[in-house]
Amino acid sequence: MDYLAQRKEMVKSQLENKGIHDPHVLAAFLKIPRHLFVPEDQKNLAYYDGPLPIGEHQTISQPYVVAYMTQALNLLPSDKILEIGTGSGYQAAILSLLVSEVYSVEIIASLGPRATAVLKELGLKNVHTRISDGSFGWPEEAPFDGIIVTAAPEKLPIKLVEQLKIGGKIIIPVALGPLNQSLRIYTKMIQEEAPGYRLEITELLPVLFVPMTGEIKD
């Protein structure tokens, strides 16, 4: 199967034609072989315009959604990024070509080793993974320039905000109901009137991600 041709068509029809314009993001999608991140019985659908099951009731997100979230963070090569929800490892792989370091947390123990193995196979040495409750982040590596969350909590986990630099952004789908989620960017800003910080919220688009699990405490 000509995966490279499929990947080129995916980038053109699913990304460029839908408003993904950052040349670095597009180049990353051309380079990373998505078919390596899906189960064997899904490889013929690897470049399909939609999510695919990866086991444990989890999915690899639609390519457009991965690209949209990546582009929305306005990443810099020097950035250190935290990802909550490693899943297949595909989002972490894309990020690895765009930033200095990626720290990715997965709560489902059976998913972690496969994602780590594929990332290692691709030689992506700037991706660091571990099995943990993502709502607690990765505090010993904080602060982060950006945080990307690929599962939907009912509220923004405050520990993630605490691990974000001033001026940094969290992109996250927030559950507003059983089948109603909003993809949002929270930008951490200096609180001018008093000590501390404030969050500037930007609503992006409706999405549907798997629910975020773990403690997710305030």
N, C-alpha and C. Protein backbone atom coordinates (compact mmCIF):
# COMPACT_ATOMS: atom_id res chain seq x y z
N MET A 1 0.85 -1.20 0.00
CA MET A 1 0.00 0.00 0.00
C MET A 1 0.88 1.25 0.00
N ASP A 2 0.55 2.22 -0.84
CA ASP A 2 1.36 3.42 -0.96
C ASP A 2 0.95 4.43 0.11
N TYR A 3 1.54 4.27 1.30
CA TYR A 3 1.17 5.13 2.41
C TYR A 3 1.61 6.58 2.19
N LEU A 4 2.75 6.77 1.53
CA LEU A 4 3.22 8.14 1.29
C LEU A 4 2.23 8.91 0.42
N ALA A 5 1.72 8.27 -0.61
CA ALA A 5 0.73 8.93 -1.47
C ALA A 5 -0.53 9.25 -0.68
N GLN A 6 -0.94 8.33 0.17
CA GLN A 6 -2.13 8.58 1.01
C GLN A 6 -1.88 9.73 1.97
N ARG A 7 -0.66 9.79 2.51
CA ARG A 7 -0.33 10.85 3.47
C ARG A 7 -0.34 12.21 2.77
N LYS A 8 0.21 12.27 1.57
CA LYS A 8 0.19 13.53 0.81
C LYS A 8 -1.24 13.97 0.52
N GLU A 9 -2.08 13.02 0.15
CA GLU A 9 -3.48 13.35 -0.14
C GLU A 9 -4.20 13.80 1.13
N MET A 10 -3.89 13.16 2.26
CA MET A 10 -4.48 13.57 3.54
C MET A 10 -4.12 15.02 3.86
N VAL A 11 -2.86 15.36 3.70
CA VAL A 11 -2.41 16.72 4.02
C VAL A 11 -3.10 17.73 3.12
N LYS A 12 -3.23 17.41 1.85
CA LYS A 12 -3.85 18.36 0.92
C LYS A 12 -5.35 18.50 1.14
N SER A 13 -6.06 17.36 1.16
CA SER A 13 -7.52 17.41 1.18
C SER A 13 -8.10 17.63 2.57
N GLN A 14 -7.47 17.04 3.59
CA GLN A 14 -8.03 17.10 4.94
C GLN A 14 -7.48 18.26 5.76
N LEU A 15 -6.30 18.74 5.41
CA LEU A 15 -5.67 19.80 6.21
C LEU A 15 -5.62 21.13 5.45
N GLU A 16 -4.86 21.18 4.37
CA GLU A 16 -4.73 22.44 3.63
C GLU A 16 -6.07 22.97 3.17
N ASN A 17 -6.89 22.11 2.61
CA ASN A 17 -8.17 22.56 2.07
C ASN A 17 -9.17 22.95 3.16
N LYS A 18 -8.83 22.65 4.42
CA LYS A 18 -9.72 23.01 5.53
C LYS A 18 -9.12 24.09 6.42
N GLY A 19 -8.08 24.76 5.95
CA GLY A 19 -7.59 25.93 6.68
C GLY A 19 -6.35 25.74 7.51
N ILE A 20 -5.72 24.57 7.46
CA ILE A 20 -4.44 24.39 8.16
C ILE A 20 -3.37 24.96 7.24
N HIS A 21 -2.71 26.02 7.70
CA HIS A 21 -1.80 26.76 6.81
C HIS A 21 -0.37 26.85 7.32
N ASP A 22 -0.14 26.51 8.58
CA ASP A 22 1.22 26.59 9.12
C ASP A 22 2.12 25.59 8.39
N PRO A 23 3.14 26.06 7.70
CA PRO A 23 3.97 25.15 6.90
C PRO A 23 4.71 24.11 7.74
N HIS A 24 5.04 24.46 8.98
CA HIS A 24 5.75 23.52 9.85
C HIS A 24 4.81 22.39 10.30
N VAL A 25 3.55 22.74 10.57
CA VAL A 25 2.56 21.73 10.94
C VAL A 25 2.31 20.80 9.76
N LEU A 26 2.13 21.36 8.58
CA LEU A 26 1.89 20.54 7.40
C LEU A 26 3.08 19.62 7.12
N ALA A 27 4.29 20.13 7.29
CA ALA A 27 5.49 19.31 7.07
C ALA A 27 5.56 18.15 8.05
N ALA A 28 5.15 18.40 9.30
CA ALA A 28 5.15 17.34 10.31
C ALA A 28 4.17 16.23 9.93
N PHE A 29 3.01 16.60 9.44
CA PHE A 29 2.01 15.60 9.04
C PHE A 29 2.46 14.81 7.81
N LEU A 30 3.24 15.44 6.95
CA LEU A 30 3.79 14.72 5.80
C LEU A 30 4.84 13.70 6.23
N LYS A 31 5.57 14.02 7.28
CA LYS A 31 6.69 13.18 7.69
C LYS A 31 6.27 12.02 8.58
N ILE A 32 5.32 12.24 9.50
CA ILE A 32 4.97 11.21 10.48
C ILE A 32 4.02 10.19 9.84
N PRO A 33 4.39 8.91 9.85
CA PRO A 33 3.56 7.85 9.24
C PRO A 33 2.41 7.44 10.16
N ARG A 34 1.23 7.97 9.91
CA ARG A 34 0.08 7.73 10.78
C ARG A 34 -0.27 6.25 10.86
N HIS A 35 0.01 5.50 9.80
CA HIS A 35 -0.37 4.09 9.78
C HIS A 35 0.37 3.27 10.84
N LEU A 36 1.50 3.76 11.33
CA LEU A 36 2.21 3.04 12.38
C LEU A 36 1.54 3.17 13.74
N PHE A 37 0.64 4.12 13.87
CA PHE A 37 0.01 4.40 15.16
C PHE A 37 -1.38 3.79 15.31
N VAL A 38 -1.83 3.06 14.31
CA VAL A 38 -3.14 2.41 14.38
C VAL A 38 -2.95 0.90 14.44
N PRO A 39 -3.92 0.17 14.98
CA PRO A 39 -3.81 -1.30 15.02
C PRO A 39 -3.72 -1.90 13.62
N GLU A 40 -3.18 -3.11 13.54
CA GLU A 40 -2.97 -3.76 12.24
C GLU A 40 -4.24 -3.84 11.41
N ASP A 41 -5.37 -4.13 12.07
CA ASP A 41 -6.61 -4.29 11.31
C ASP A 41 -7.23 -2.96 10.88
N GLN A 42 -6.57 -1.83 11.25
CA GLN A 42 -7.06 -0.51 10.85
C GLN A 42 -6.13 0.19 9.86
N LYS A 43 -5.02 -0.46 9.49
CA LYS A 43 -4.01 0.23 8.68
C LYS A 43 -4.54 0.68 7.33
N ASN A 44 -5.47 -0.05 6.76
CA ASN A 44 -6.02 0.37 5.47
C ASN A 44 -6.87 1.63 5.59
N LEU A 45 -7.21 2.00 6.83
CA LEU A 45 -8.00 3.21 7.08
C LEU A 45 -7.17 4.31 7.74
N ALA A 46 -5.86 4.12 7.79
CA ALA A 46 -5.00 5.02 8.58
C ALA A 46 -5.11 6.48 8.17
N TYR A 47 -5.38 6.75 6.89
CA TYR A 47 -5.43 8.14 6.42
C TYR A 47 -6.86 8.58 6.10
N TYR A 48 -7.78 7.84 6.68
CA TYR A 48 -9.22 8.17 6.61
C TYR A 48 -9.49 9.47 7.37
N ASP A 49 -10.44 10.24 6.89
CA ASP A 49 -10.79 11.53 7.48
C ASP A 49 -11.74 11.35 8.66
N GLY A 50 -11.21 10.78 9.73
CA GLY A 50 -12.02 10.56 10.93
C GLY A 50 -11.22 9.84 11.99
N PRO A 51 -11.77 9.71 13.20
CA PRO A 51 -11.09 8.98 14.27
C PRO A 51 -11.15 7.47 14.02
N LEU A 52 -10.23 6.74 14.66
CA LEU A 52 -10.21 5.29 14.54
C LEU A 52 -9.99 4.67 15.91
N PRO A 53 -10.58 3.50 16.19
CA PRO A 53 -10.38 2.86 17.48
C PRO A 53 -8.95 2.32 17.63
N ILE A 54 -8.40 2.44 18.84
CA ILE A 54 -7.06 1.92 19.11
C ILE A 54 -7.08 0.94 20.29
N GLY A 55 -8.27 0.57 20.73
CA GLY A 55 -8.40 -0.34 21.87
C GLY A 55 -8.73 0.40 23.16
N GLU A 56 -9.24 -0.35 24.14
CA GLU A 56 -9.58 0.21 25.46
C GLU A 56 -10.60 1.35 25.36
N HIS A 57 -11.47 1.28 24.35
CA HIS A 57 -12.50 2.31 24.12
C HIS A 57 -11.90 3.68 23.87
N GLN A 58 -10.69 3.71 23.34
CA GLN A 58 -10.01 4.96 23.01
C GLN A 58 -9.85 5.07 21.49
N THR A 59 -9.53 6.27 21.02
CA THR A 59 -9.40 6.50 19.58
C THR A 59 -8.15 7.31 19.27
N ILE A 60 -7.70 7.19 18.03
CA ILE A 60 -6.76 8.14 17.46
C ILE A 60 -7.61 9.20 16.77
N SER A 61 -7.36 10.46 17.07
CA SER A 61 -8.25 11.54 16.61
C SER A 61 -8.16 11.74 15.10
N GLN A 62 -9.19 12.33 14.57
CA GLN A 62 -9.23 12.73 13.17
C GLN A 62 -8.01 13.58 12.85
N PRO A 63 -7.33 13.37 11.71
CA PRO A 63 -6.15 14.16 11.39
C PRO A 63 -6.38 15.67 11.45
N TYR A 64 -7.51 16.13 10.96
CA TYR A 64 -7.80 17.56 10.99
C TYR A 64 -7.82 18.11 12.40
N VAL A 65 -8.42 17.36 13.32
CA VAL A 65 -8.51 17.83 14.71
C VAL A 65 -7.11 17.90 15.34
N VAL A 66 -6.27 16.90 15.08
CA VAL A 66 -4.90 16.92 15.58
C VAL A 66 -4.17 18.14 15.03
N ALA A 67 -4.32 18.39 13.74
CA ALA A 67 -3.65 19.53 13.11
C ALA A 67 -4.19 20.86 13.63
N TYR A 68 -5.49 20.94 13.78
CA TYR A 68 -6.12 22.18 14.26
C TYR A 68 -5.61 22.53 15.67
N MET A 69 -5.59 21.54 16.55
CA MET A 69 -5.14 21.79 17.92
C MET A 69 -3.66 22.15 17.95
N THR A 70 -2.88 21.49 17.11
CA THR A 70 -1.45 21.78 17.05
C THR A 70 -1.20 23.19 16.56
N GLN A 71 -1.86 23.56 15.48
CA GLN A 71 -1.69 24.90 14.91
C GLN A 71 -2.15 25.99 15.87
N ALA A 72 -3.22 25.72 16.61
CA ALA A 72 -3.80 26.73 17.50
C ALA A 72 -2.86 27.13 18.63
N LEU A 73 -1.90 26.28 18.97
CA LEU A 73 -0.97 26.60 20.06
C LEU A 73 0.13 27.57 19.64
N ASN A 74 0.26 27.84 18.34
CA ASN A 74 1.31 28.74 17.84
C ASN A 74 2.68 28.36 18.41
N LEU A 75 3.09 27.15 18.15
CA LEU A 75 4.29 26.59 18.77
C LEU A 75 5.58 27.22 18.26
N LEU A 76 6.57 27.26 19.16
CA LEU A 76 7.92 27.70 18.83
C LEU A 76 8.87 26.52 18.98
N PRO A 77 9.96 26.49 18.22
CA PRO A 77 10.91 25.38 18.31
C PRO A 77 11.50 25.19 19.71
N SER A 78 11.54 26.25 20.50
CA SER A 78 12.11 26.17 21.85
C SER A 78 11.10 25.72 22.91
N ASP A 79 9.85 25.51 22.53
CA ASP A 79 8.80 25.22 23.50
C ASP A 79 8.96 23.84 24.14
N LYS A 80 8.50 23.77 25.39
CA LYS A 80 8.35 22.50 26.10
C LYS A 80 6.85 22.30 26.32
N ILE A 81 6.33 21.17 25.81
CA ILE A 81 4.89 20.95 25.76
C ILE A 81 4.50 19.73 26.59
N LEU A 82 3.39 19.85 27.30
CA LEU A 82 2.79 18.74 28.03
C LEU A 82 1.56 18.26 27.27
N GLU A 83 1.49 16.95 27.04
CA GLU A 83 0.31 16.36 26.43
C GLU A 83 -0.38 15.46 27.44
N ILE A 84 -1.68 15.63 27.60
CA ILE A 84 -2.46 14.77 28.48
C ILE A 84 -3.29 13.84 27.62
N GLY A 85 -2.95 12.55 27.65
CA GLY A 85 -3.64 11.55 26.83
C GLY A 85 -2.77 11.11 25.67
N THR A 86 -1.76 10.30 25.95
CA THR A 86 -0.85 9.84 24.89
C THR A 86 -1.60 9.05 23.83
N GLY A 87 -2.50 8.16 24.27
CA GLY A 87 -3.26 7.36 23.33
C GLY A 87 -2.36 6.55 22.42
N SER A 88 -2.49 6.75 21.12
CA SER A 88 -1.68 6.04 20.14
C SER A 88 -0.25 6.56 20.07
N GLY A 89 -0.05 7.81 20.50
CA GLY A 89 1.26 8.45 20.40
C GLY A 89 1.37 9.37 19.19
N TYR A 90 0.35 9.42 18.35
CA TYR A 90 0.42 10.19 17.10
C TYR A 90 0.55 11.69 17.35
N GLN A 91 -0.26 12.23 18.24
CA GLN A 91 -0.16 13.66 18.54
C GLN A 91 1.21 14.01 19.10
N ALA A 92 1.75 13.18 19.98
CA ALA A 92 3.09 13.42 20.53
C ALA A 92 4.14 13.40 19.44
N ALA A 93 3.99 12.50 18.48
CA ALA A 93 4.95 12.41 17.37
C ALA A 93 4.92 13.69 16.53
N ILE A 94 3.74 14.18 16.23
CA ILE A 94 3.63 15.44 15.48
C ILE A 94 4.29 16.57 16.25
N LEU A 95 3.99 16.67 17.53
CA LEU A 95 4.56 17.73 18.35
C LEU A 95 6.09 17.65 18.40
N SER A 96 6.61 16.44 18.39
CA SER A 96 8.06 16.25 18.55
C SER A 96 8.86 16.92 17.44
N LEU A 97 8.25 17.07 16.26
CA LEU A 97 8.93 17.71 15.13
C LEU A 97 8.83 19.23 15.17
N LEU A 98 8.05 19.75 16.12
CA LEU A 98 7.76 21.19 16.14
C LEU A 98 8.33 21.90 17.35
N VAL A 99 8.65 21.16 18.42
CA VAL A 99 9.08 21.79 19.68
C VAL A 99 10.33 21.08 20.22
N SER A 100 10.86 21.65 21.29
CA SER A 100 12.08 21.11 21.89
C SER A 100 11.85 19.80 22.64
N GLU A 101 10.83 19.77 23.52
CA GLU A 101 10.56 18.60 24.35
C GLU A 101 9.06 18.40 24.48
N VAL A 102 8.64 17.13 24.47
CA VAL A 102 7.24 16.76 24.66
C VAL A 102 7.16 15.79 25.83
N TYR A 103 6.31 16.10 26.80
CA TYR A 103 6.05 15.22 27.94
C TYR A 103 4.60 14.77 27.83
N SER A 104 4.40 13.46 27.70
CA SER A 104 3.07 12.93 27.41
C SER A 104 2.66 11.92 28.47
N VAL A 105 1.46 12.10 29.01
CA VAL A 105 0.94 11.29 30.11
C VAL A 105 -0.27 10.49 29.63
N GLU A 106 -0.30 9.21 29.94
CA GLU A 106 -1.42 8.33 29.60
C GLU A 106 -1.87 7.60 30.86
N ILE A 107 -3.18 7.58 31.10
CA ILE A 107 -3.70 6.94 32.31
C ILE A 107 -3.95 5.44 32.11
N ILE A 108 -4.15 5.00 30.86
CA ILE A 108 -4.45 3.59 30.59
C ILE A 108 -3.15 2.83 30.36
N ALA A 109 -2.80 1.97 31.31
CA ALA A 109 -1.49 1.32 31.30
C ALA A 109 -1.22 0.51 30.05
N SER A 110 -2.24 -0.12 29.48
CA SER A 110 -2.02 -0.99 28.32
C SER A 110 -1.71 -0.22 27.05
N LEU A 111 -2.06 1.07 26.99
CA LEU A 111 -1.80 1.85 25.79
C LEU A 111 -0.38 2.41 25.75
N GLY A 112 0.18 2.68 26.91
CA GLY A 112 1.47 3.34 26.98
C GLY A 112 2.61 2.62 26.27
N PRO A 113 2.81 1.32 26.53
CA PRO A 113 3.96 0.63 25.92
C PRO A 113 3.94 0.63 24.39
N ARG A 114 2.76 0.45 23.79
CA ARG A 114 2.70 0.44 22.32
C ARG A 114 3.05 1.80 21.75
N ALA A 115 2.50 2.87 22.33
CA ALA A 115 2.82 4.21 21.85
C ALA A 115 4.30 4.50 22.01
N THR A 116 4.85 4.13 23.15
CA THR A 116 6.27 4.37 23.41
C THR A 116 7.14 3.61 22.42
N ALA A 117 6.74 2.37 22.09
CA ALA A 117 7.51 1.57 21.15
C ALA A 117 7.54 2.20 19.76
N VAL A 118 6.40 2.72 19.30
CA VAL A 118 6.35 3.34 17.97
C VAL A 118 7.16 4.62 17.96
N LEU A 119 7.06 5.41 19.01
CA LEU A 119 7.85 6.65 19.10
C LEU A 119 9.35 6.34 19.07
N LYS A 120 9.72 5.27 19.76
CA LYS A 120 11.12 4.86 19.79
C LYS A 120 11.56 4.36 18.41
N GLU A 121 10.68 3.60 17.75
CA GLU A 121 10.98 3.08 16.41
C GLU A 121 11.26 4.22 15.43
N LEU A 122 10.56 5.34 15.60
CA LEU A 122 10.74 6.50 14.73
C LEU A 122 11.91 7.38 15.15
N GLY A 123 12.56 7.03 16.27
CA GLY A 123 13.72 7.79 16.72
C GLY A 123 13.39 9.14 17.29
N LEU A 124 12.20 9.30 17.85
CA LEU A 124 11.76 10.59 18.39
C LEU A 124 12.21 10.71 19.86
N LYS A 125 13.45 11.10 20.04
CA LYS A 125 14.06 11.07 21.37
C LYS A 125 13.63 12.21 22.28
N ASN A 126 12.93 13.19 21.74
CA ASN A 126 12.49 14.31 22.58
C ASN A 126 11.07 14.12 23.12
N VAL A 127 10.52 12.92 22.98
CA VAL A 127 9.21 12.60 23.57
C VAL A 127 9.42 11.74 24.80
N HIS A 128 8.85 12.17 25.91
CA HIS A 128 8.97 11.46 27.18
C HIS A 128 7.57 11.04 27.61
N THR A 129 7.38 9.77 27.91
CA THR A 129 6.05 9.27 28.25
C THR A 129 6.04 8.62 29.62
N ARG A 130 4.87 8.61 30.23
CA ARG A 130 4.69 7.84 31.46
C ARG A 130 3.22 7.56 31.68
N ILE A 131 2.96 6.54 32.49
CA ILE A 131 1.59 6.18 32.87
C ILE A 131 1.27 6.87 34.19
N SER A 132 0.23 7.70 34.16
CA SER A 132 -0.13 8.46 35.35
C SER A 132 -1.51 9.09 35.14
N ASP A 133 -2.04 9.68 36.17
CA ASP A 133 -3.30 10.42 36.10
C ASP A 133 -2.99 11.79 35.49
N GLY A 134 -3.47 12.00 34.28
CA GLY A 134 -3.15 13.23 33.56
C GLY A 134 -3.65 14.49 34.21
N SER A 135 -4.67 14.40 35.06
CA SER A 135 -5.18 15.61 35.69
C SER A 135 -4.17 16.24 36.64
N PHE A 136 -3.13 15.46 37.01
CA PHE A 136 -2.08 15.99 37.87
C PHE A 136 -0.90 16.52 37.06
N GLY A 137 -0.92 16.32 35.75
CA GLY A 137 0.14 16.84 34.90
C GLY A 137 1.45 16.10 35.10
N TRP A 138 2.54 16.85 34.98
CA TRP A 138 3.89 16.31 35.17
C TRP A 138 4.66 17.38 35.94
N PRO A 139 4.36 17.55 37.23
CA PRO A 139 4.83 18.72 37.98
C PRO A 139 6.33 18.91 38.04
N GLU A 140 7.09 17.82 38.07
CA GLU A 140 8.54 17.97 38.19
C GLU A 140 9.19 18.52 36.93
N GLU A 141 8.45 18.54 35.81
CA GLU A 141 8.98 19.11 34.57
C GLU A 141 8.37 20.48 34.26
N ALA A 142 7.48 20.95 35.09
CA ALA A 142 6.87 22.26 34.89
C ALA A 142 7.89 23.37 35.15
N PRO A 143 7.67 24.56 34.58
CA PRO A 143 6.49 24.99 33.82
C PRO A 143 6.61 24.65 32.33
N PHE A 144 5.44 24.59 31.69
CA PHE A 144 5.35 24.27 30.27
C PHE A 144 4.91 25.51 29.48
N ASP A 145 5.37 25.57 28.24
CA ASP A 145 4.96 26.66 27.35
C ASP A 145 3.55 26.45 26.82
N GLY A 146 3.14 25.20 26.73
CA GLY A 146 1.81 24.88 26.25
C GLY A 146 1.39 23.51 26.74
N ILE A 147 0.08 23.30 26.83
CA ILE A 147 -0.48 22.02 27.25
C ILE A 147 -1.60 21.66 26.28
N ILE A 148 -1.57 20.43 25.81
CA ILE A 148 -2.62 19.94 24.91
C ILE A 148 -3.29 18.74 25.56
N VAL A 149 -4.60 18.79 25.67
CA VAL A 149 -5.37 17.75 26.35
C VAL A 149 -6.26 17.08 25.33
N THR A 150 -6.17 15.75 25.23
CA THR A 150 -6.91 15.02 24.20
C THR A 150 -8.00 14.12 24.78
N ALA A 151 -8.53 14.53 25.92
CA ALA A 151 -9.70 13.90 26.52
C ALA A 151 -10.49 15.01 27.21
N ALA A 152 -11.78 14.80 27.37
CA ALA A 152 -12.65 15.90 27.79
C ALA A 152 -13.04 15.79 29.27
N PRO A 153 -12.54 16.68 30.11
CA PRO A 153 -13.03 16.76 31.49
C PRO A 153 -14.26 17.66 31.57
N GLU A 154 -14.93 17.63 32.70
CA GLU A 154 -16.08 18.52 32.89
C GLU A 154 -15.64 19.89 33.39
N LYS A 155 -14.39 19.98 33.84
CA LYS A 155 -13.84 21.27 34.27
C LYS A 155 -12.34 21.24 34.03
N LEU A 156 -11.77 22.40 33.93
CA LEU A 156 -10.34 22.52 33.69
C LEU A 156 -9.57 22.11 34.93
N PRO A 157 -8.71 21.09 34.85
CA PRO A 157 -7.93 20.69 36.03
C PRO A 157 -6.96 21.80 36.46
N ILE A 158 -7.11 22.26 37.68
CA ILE A 158 -6.35 23.42 38.14
C ILE A 158 -4.86 23.13 38.20
N LYS A 159 -4.49 21.87 38.42
CA LYS A 159 -3.06 21.54 38.49
C LYS A 159 -2.38 21.72 37.14
N LEU A 160 -3.13 21.60 36.07
CA LEU A 160 -2.55 21.86 34.76
C LEU A 160 -2.28 23.35 34.58
N VAL A 161 -3.21 24.16 35.03
CA VAL A 161 -3.02 25.61 34.94
C VAL A 161 -1.79 26.03 35.73
N GLU A 162 -1.61 25.43 36.91
CA GLU A 162 -0.47 25.78 37.76
C GLU A 162 0.86 25.43 37.10
N GLN A 163 0.85 24.46 36.19
CA GLN A 163 2.08 24.02 35.54
C GLN A 163 2.35 24.74 34.22
N LEU A 164 1.55 25.74 33.92
CA LEU A 164 1.68 26.50 32.68
C LEU A 164 2.40 27.81 32.94
N LYS A 165 3.29 28.19 32.04
CA LYS A 165 3.97 29.48 32.14
C LYS A 165 2.99 30.63 31.92
N ILE A 166 3.30 31.79 32.47
CA ILE A 166 2.54 32.98 32.13
C ILE A 166 2.71 33.24 30.63
N GLY A 167 1.60 33.45 29.95
CA GLY A 167 1.61 33.61 28.51
C GLY A 167 1.39 32.31 27.76
N GLY A 168 1.45 31.18 28.47
CA GLY A 168 1.24 29.88 27.86
C GLY A 168 -0.23 29.58 27.62
N LYS A 169 -0.48 28.55 26.81
CA LYS A 169 -1.84 28.21 26.43
C LYS A 169 -2.13 26.73 26.72
N ILE A 170 -3.35 26.48 27.18
CA ILE A 170 -3.88 25.12 27.28
C ILE A 170 -4.98 24.99 26.25
N ILE A 171 -4.89 23.99 25.38
CA ILE A 171 -5.99 23.70 24.47
C ILE A 171 -6.63 22.40 24.94
N ILE A 172 -7.94 22.44 25.14
CA ILE A 172 -8.62 21.34 25.83
C ILE A 172 -10.09 21.28 25.42
N PRO A 173 -10.63 20.07 25.21
CA PRO A 173 -12.07 19.94 25.01
C PRO A 173 -12.76 19.85 26.37
N VAL A 174 -13.73 20.69 26.60
CA VAL A 174 -14.44 20.71 27.89
C VAL A 174 -15.85 20.17 27.69
N ALA A 175 -16.24 19.20 28.51
CA ALA A 175 -17.56 18.59 28.41
C ALA A 175 -18.62 19.53 28.96
N LEU A 176 -19.61 19.84 28.15
CA LEU A 176 -20.72 20.69 28.57
C LEU A 176 -21.99 19.88 28.77
N GLY A 177 -21.93 18.60 28.42
CA GLY A 177 -23.06 17.69 28.54
C GLY A 177 -22.63 16.34 28.00
N PRO A 178 -23.51 15.34 28.01
CA PRO A 178 -23.13 13.98 27.58
C PRO A 178 -22.55 13.93 26.18
N LEU A 179 -23.10 14.69 25.24
CA LEU A 179 -22.62 14.69 23.86
C LEU A 179 -22.33 16.10 23.38
N ASN A 180 -21.95 16.96 24.29
CA ASN A 180 -21.71 18.37 23.97
C ASN A 180 -20.37 18.80 24.55
N GLN A 181 -19.40 19.05 23.69
CA GLN A 181 -18.08 19.48 24.13
C GLN A 181 -17.64 20.70 23.34
N SER A 182 -16.88 21.56 23.99
CA SER A 182 -16.34 22.74 23.35
C SER A 182 -14.82 22.72 23.44
N LEU A 183 -14.16 22.85 22.29
CA LEU A 183 -12.71 22.96 22.29
C LEU A 183 -12.36 24.41 22.64
N ARG A 184 -11.53 24.57 23.66
CA ARG A 184 -11.19 25.89 24.15
C ARG A 184 -9.69 26.07 24.29
N ILE A 185 -9.26 27.32 24.21
CA ILE A 185 -7.90 27.68 24.59
C ILE A 185 -8.00 28.58 25.82
N TYR A 186 -7.26 28.20 26.84
CA TYR A 186 -7.10 29.03 28.03
C TYR A 186 -5.69 29.61 27.99
N THR A 187 -5.58 30.93 27.99
CA THR A 187 -4.28 31.60 28.01
C THR A 187 -4.04 32.16 29.40
N LYS A 188 -2.91 31.82 29.98
CA LYS A 188 -2.58 32.25 31.34
C LYS A 188 -1.96 33.64 31.29
N MET A 189 -2.62 34.59 31.89
CA MET A 189 -2.20 35.99 31.83
C MET A 189 -1.88 36.52 33.23
N ILE A 190 -1.03 37.53 33.28
CA ILE A 190 -0.74 38.19 34.55
C ILE A 190 -1.99 38.93 35.03
N GLN A 191 -2.28 38.79 36.31
CA GLN A 191 -3.39 39.50 36.93
C GLN A 191 -2.87 40.88 37.35
N GLU A 192 -3.28 41.91 36.63
CA GLU A 192 -2.73 43.23 36.88
C GLU A 192 -3.27 43.87 38.14
N GLU A 193 -4.52 43.56 38.48
CA GLU A 193 -5.15 44.22 39.62
C GLU A 193 -4.70 43.64 40.96
N ALA A 194 -4.22 42.40 40.94
CA ALA A 194 -3.85 41.72 42.19
C ALA A 194 -2.80 40.66 41.86
N PRO A 195 -2.10 40.17 42.87
CA PRO A 195 -1.10 39.11 42.62
C PRO A 195 -1.77 37.86 42.05
N GLY A 196 -1.04 37.12 41.25
CA GLY A 196 -1.57 35.88 40.69
C GLY A 196 -1.74 35.97 39.19
N TYR A 197 -2.70 35.21 38.65
CA TYR A 197 -2.91 35.16 37.20
C TYR A 197 -4.41 35.10 36.92
N ARG A 198 -4.74 35.34 35.66
CA ARG A 198 -6.11 35.17 35.19
C ARG A 198 -6.07 34.33 33.92
N LEU A 199 -7.21 33.77 33.55
CA LEU A 199 -7.30 32.94 32.36
C LEU A 199 -8.18 33.63 31.31
N GLU A 200 -7.62 33.77 30.14
CA GLU A 200 -8.38 34.31 29.02
C GLU A 200 -8.89 33.11 28.20
N ILE A 201 -10.19 33.02 27.99
CA ILE A 201 -10.80 31.86 27.36
C ILE A 201 -11.21 32.18 25.93
N THR A 202 -10.82 31.33 25.00
CA THR A 202 -11.24 31.45 23.61
C THR A 202 -11.97 30.18 23.20
N GLU A 203 -13.22 30.32 22.79
CA GLU A 203 -14.00 29.19 22.29
C GLU A 203 -13.62 28.94 20.84
N LEU A 204 -13.34 27.68 20.50
CA LEU A 204 -12.88 27.36 19.16
C LEU A 204 -13.95 26.67 18.32
N LEU A 205 -14.29 25.42 18.66
CA LEU A 205 -15.28 24.70 17.85
C LEU A 205 -15.82 23.52 18.64
N PRO A 206 -17.01 23.02 18.27
CA PRO A 206 -17.55 21.83 18.93
C PRO A 206 -16.75 20.59 18.51
N VAL A 207 -16.51 19.71 19.47
CA VAL A 207 -15.74 18.49 19.21
C VAL A 207 -16.37 17.34 19.99
N LEU A 208 -15.83 16.14 19.80
CA LEU A 208 -16.28 14.99 20.57
C LEU A 208 -15.07 14.10 20.86
N PHE A 209 -14.54 14.20 22.08
CA PHE A 209 -13.42 13.40 22.54
C PHE A 209 -13.91 12.40 23.58
N VAL A 210 -13.08 11.39 23.84
CA VAL A 210 -13.39 10.48 24.94
C VAL A 210 -13.34 11.25 26.25
N PRO A 211 -14.10 10.83 27.27
CA PRO A 211 -14.07 11.54 28.55
C PRO A 211 -12.70 11.42 29.22
N MET A 212 -12.33 12.45 29.96
CA MET A 212 -11.11 12.41 30.75
C MET A 212 -11.41 11.65 32.05
N THR A 213 -10.52 10.74 32.39
CA THR A 213 -10.69 9.97 33.62
C THR A 213 -9.59 10.35 34.60
N GLY A 214 -9.69 9.82 35.83
CA GLY A 214 -8.75 10.21 36.87
C GLY A 214 -9.46 11.03 37.92
N GLU A 215 -8.71 11.64 38.80
CA GLU A 215 -9.33 12.38 39.91
C GLU A 215 -9.88 13.73 39.48
N ILE A 216 -9.17 14.42 38.60
CA ILE A 216 -9.63 15.71 38.03
C ILE A 216 -10.16 16.63 39.14
N LYS A 217 -9.37 16.81 40.16
CA LYS A 217 -9.80 17.68 41.25
C LYS A 217 -9.46 19.13 40.96
N ASP A 218 -10.21 20.05 41.63
CA ASP A 218 -9.86 21.47 41.56
C ASP A 218 -8.53 21.68 42.24
